[in-house]
Protein backbone atom coordinates (compact mmCIF):
# COMPACT_ATOMS: atom_id res chain seq x y z
CA MET A 1 -17.47 54.62 -60.47
CA LEU A 2 -14.60 55.86 -58.40
CA LYS A 3 -17.07 56.83 -55.70
CA VAL A 4 -18.58 53.31 -55.65
CA ALA A 5 -15.10 51.81 -55.45
CA LEU A 6 -14.21 54.05 -52.51
CA VAL A 7 -17.44 53.17 -50.66
CA ALA A 8 -16.95 49.46 -51.37
CA SER A 9 -13.34 49.67 -50.20
CA SER A 10 -14.40 51.44 -47.02
CA VAL A 11 -17.14 48.87 -46.25
CA LEU A 12 -14.93 45.91 -47.12
CA GLY A 13 -12.12 47.37 -45.03
CA GLU A 14 -14.40 47.50 -41.98
CA LEU A 15 -15.58 43.91 -42.42
CA PRO A 16 -12.41 42.25 -41.14
CA ARG A 17 -12.34 44.51 -38.05
CA GLU A 18 -16.02 43.98 -37.34
CA GLY A 19 -15.58 40.27 -37.98
CA LEU A 20 -12.73 40.11 -35.49
CA ARG A 21 -14.76 42.03 -32.91
CA LEU A 22 -17.71 39.74 -33.45
CA ALA A 23 -15.52 36.63 -33.25
CA GLY A 24 -13.89 37.92 -30.06
CA ALA A 25 -17.24 38.68 -28.47
CA LEU A 26 -18.56 35.23 -29.40
CA ALA A 27 -15.41 33.55 -28.06
CA LEU A 28 -15.69 35.51 -24.81
CA LEU A 29 -19.39 34.67 -24.57
CA PHE A 30 -18.63 30.97 -25.05
CA LEU A 31 -15.48 30.80 -22.92
CA MET A 32 -16.76 32.81 -19.93
CA PRO A 33 -19.16 30.10 -18.68
CA VAL A 34 -16.52 27.44 -19.29
CA LEU A 35 -13.97 29.49 -17.36
CA LEU A 36 -16.43 30.02 -14.49
CA VAL A 37 -17.14 26.28 -14.32
CA VAL A 38 -13.41 25.51 -14.25
CA ILE A 39 -12.77 28.07 -11.48
CA ALA A 40 -15.73 26.86 -9.41
CA SER A 41 -14.66 23.24 -9.84
CA ALA A 42 -11.09 24.02 -8.81
CA ALA A 43 -12.31 25.89 -5.72
CA LEU A 44 -14.60 23.00 -4.76
CA VAL A 45 -11.80 20.45 -5.18
CA ALA A 46 -9.46 22.61 -3.09
CA MET A 47 -12.07 22.85 -0.32
CA LEU A 48 -12.67 19.10 -0.39
CA LEU A 49 -8.97 18.32 -0.22
CA SER A 50 -8.46 20.72 2.66
CA GLY A 51 -11.33 19.28 4.68
CA PHE A 52 -13.31 22.53 4.53
CA PRO A 53 -16.30 22.06 6.85
CA GLY A 54 -19.59 21.43 5.12
CA PHE A 55 -18.12 20.58 1.72
CA GLY A 56 -18.33 16.82 1.46
CA SER A 57 -15.94 16.12 4.29
CA SER A 58 -17.43 13.57 6.62
CA ASN A 59 -17.15 13.75 10.36
CA PRO A 60 -14.01 12.25 11.86
CA PRO A 61 -14.28 8.68 13.08
CA PRO A 62 -15.42 8.23 16.67
CA VAL A 63 -12.75 7.75 19.32
CA PRO A 64 -12.72 4.09 20.43
CA PRO A 65 -13.40 3.93 24.20
CA GLU A 66 -10.19 1.99 24.94
CA HIS A 67 -8.14 4.57 23.08
CA LEU A 68 -9.97 7.42 24.80
CA SER A 69 -9.14 5.92 28.18
CA VAL A 70 -5.43 5.99 27.35
CA MET A 71 -5.71 9.50 25.87
CA LEU A 72 -7.39 10.84 29.01
CA GLU A 73 -4.72 9.30 31.21
CA VAL A 74 -1.90 10.63 29.04
CA SER A 75 -3.57 14.06 28.86
CA ALA A 76 -3.82 14.24 32.64
CA GLY A 77 -0.12 13.42 32.99
CA SER A 78 1.27 15.49 30.14
CA GLY A 79 -1.08 18.44 29.76
CA VAL A 80 -1.63 17.63 26.08
CA PRO A 81 -5.37 17.94 25.39
CA TRP A 82 -7.00 14.56 24.79
CA GLU A 83 -8.82 16.11 21.81
CA LEU A 84 -5.50 16.89 20.16
CA LEU A 85 -4.23 13.34 20.72
CA ALA A 86 -7.50 11.99 19.31
CA ALA A 87 -7.27 14.27 16.26
CA ILE A 88 -3.71 13.21 15.46
CA ALA A 89 -4.55 9.52 15.91
CA SER A 90 -7.59 10.00 13.71
CA VAL A 91 -5.62 11.67 10.92
CA GLU A 92 -2.50 9.51 11.12
CA SER A 93 -4.02 6.03 11.24
CA GLY A 94 -7.76 6.26 11.76
CA PHE A 95 -7.19 5.01 15.33
CA GLY A 96 -5.11 2.11 14.06
CA ALA A 97 -7.31 1.15 11.10
CA ASN A 98 -4.52 2.02 8.62
CA MET A 99 -1.00 1.65 9.96
CA ALA A 100 0.73 1.04 6.64
CA THR A 101 4.21 2.49 6.32
CA SER A 102 3.97 5.87 4.60
CA SER A 103 5.94 6.87 1.52
CA ALA A 104 8.21 8.86 3.87
CA GLY A 105 8.82 5.75 6.00
CA ALA A 106 6.53 6.71 8.92
CA ILE A 107 5.21 3.74 10.88
CA GLY A 108 2.51 2.68 13.28
CA TYR A 109 -0.44 4.20 15.06
CA GLY A 110 1.04 7.70 15.27
CA GLN A 111 2.98 7.45 11.98
CA PHE A 112 6.37 8.17 13.51
CA LEU A 113 9.53 8.24 11.47
CA PRO A 114 11.79 5.51 12.91
CA SER A 115 14.21 8.13 14.28
CA SER A 116 11.34 9.96 16.03
CA TRP A 117 10.02 6.70 17.44
CA GLU A 118 13.48 5.92 18.76
CA ALA A 119 13.55 9.32 20.48
CA PHE A 120 9.99 9.33 21.89
CA GLY A 121 8.77 5.72 21.88
CA GLU A 122 10.73 4.64 24.96
CA GLY A 123 11.20 1.13 23.59
CA GLY A 124 7.47 0.51 23.07
CA ASP A 125 5.56 -0.83 20.09
CA PRO A 126 4.70 1.88 17.54
CA TYR A 127 1.71 -0.21 16.40
CA ASP A 128 0.16 -0.38 19.89
CA PHE A 129 -1.89 2.65 20.94
CA HIS A 130 -0.94 2.04 24.57
CA ASP A 131 2.65 2.95 23.60
CA ALA A 132 1.96 5.30 20.69
CA VAL A 133 -0.36 7.76 22.46
CA PRO A 134 2.18 8.55 25.24
CA ALA A 135 4.90 8.89 22.58
CA MET A 136 2.70 11.33 20.64
CA ALA A 137 2.28 13.39 23.80
CA ARG A 138 6.03 13.34 24.55
CA TYR A 139 6.73 14.53 20.99
CA LEU A 140 4.19 17.36 21.28
CA VAL A 141 5.50 18.42 24.70
CA ALA A 142 9.05 18.54 23.32
CA ALA A 143 7.70 20.64 20.42
CA GLY A 144 6.23 23.21 22.84
CA VAL A 145 2.55 22.28 22.82
CA SER A 146 1.97 23.98 26.17
CA THR A 147 2.66 27.42 24.69
CA ASP A 148 1.99 27.01 20.96
CA ILE A 149 -0.32 24.21 19.81
CA PRO A 150 -0.29 25.02 16.05
CA ASN A 151 3.51 25.04 15.84
CA ALA A 152 3.76 21.86 17.93
CA VAL A 153 1.37 20.14 15.51
CA TRP A 154 3.39 21.54 12.60
CA ALA A 155 6.50 20.00 14.17
CA TYR A 156 4.69 16.64 14.19
CA ASN A 157 4.03 16.92 10.44
CA HIS A 158 5.51 19.83 8.49
CA SER A 159 2.36 20.88 6.68
CA TRP A 160 0.02 23.75 7.48
CA GLU A 161 -2.78 21.84 5.75
CA TYR A 162 -2.12 19.02 8.23
CA VAL A 163 -2.20 21.51 11.12
CA ALA A 164 -5.57 22.86 9.92
CA LEU A 165 -6.98 19.35 9.56
CA VAL A 166 -5.77 18.24 13.01
CA LEU A 167 -6.97 21.40 14.76
CA GLY A 168 -10.32 21.12 13.00
CA ARG A 169 -10.72 17.54 14.18
CA ALA A 170 -9.60 18.44 17.70
CA SER A 171 -12.29 21.16 17.76
CA TYR A 172 -14.82 18.64 16.49
CA TYR A 173 -13.96 16.15 19.21
CA GLY A 174 -14.03 18.85 21.85
CA ALA A 175 -17.28 20.50 20.71
CA ALA A 176 -19.31 17.55 19.46
CA GLY A 177 -21.62 17.84 22.43
CA LEU A 178 -19.66 15.13 24.19
CA VAL A 179 -17.41 15.19 27.22
CA PRO A 180 -15.21 12.41 28.56
CA THR A 181 -16.40 11.17 31.93
CA PRO A 182 -14.80 8.31 33.85
CA THR A 183 -17.04 5.78 35.53
CA PRO A 184 -15.95 3.77 38.60
CA ASP A 185 -16.19 0.33 36.99
CA ALA A 186 -15.53 1.05 33.31
CA PRO A 187 -13.15 3.04 31.14
CA PRO A 188 -14.19 6.60 30.37
CA ALA A 189 -17.08 6.86 27.96
CA LEU A 190 -18.41 9.71 25.91
CA VAL A 191 -21.70 11.08 27.21
CA PRO A 192 -23.77 14.01 25.95
CA THR A 193 -23.32 17.33 27.68
CA GLU A 194 -26.38 19.13 28.93
CA VAL A 195 -27.29 22.30 27.11
CA ALA A 196 -28.32 25.18 29.34
CA SER A 197 -31.62 26.66 28.25
């Protein structure tokens, strides 16, 4: 009888350990797919929020011809690439489609803080692209755009995510198979570039 009691005690003593191992394995088996889905979802959301190419982010809006004309003129005079001016205008206000005052108090087409507009706006109207685009260029020139574009863009808006978004859009505008070409009787228009075969 003592032998049966010892065997029963040994088997019953192993049951809780085996039960815990089994429960742990089942929990891991159930939680692993859930954890993978959560990680994949978080990565996808992060890519979407950062404008990662090919992950749901749509192309930037087209540059309105009147705005492009001003950007080309300002670019020629300041050395700031027109693509960079277009990218900032696209991000900041959608080329004037959304010029609501930001939560930080930024205003107008280029979303300048009032103190920055006072310094770079030269008395113009922050809501008029004719005045805002040259002010954007003056700001970028003062921030050193001629030698360091990323840091000049960072100076415009202190966010590296913003810098990545703007530079991505500038690349898009510059490499979209389009080049700005002035015509004698009309403002510059975007025309397709020819691809060498």
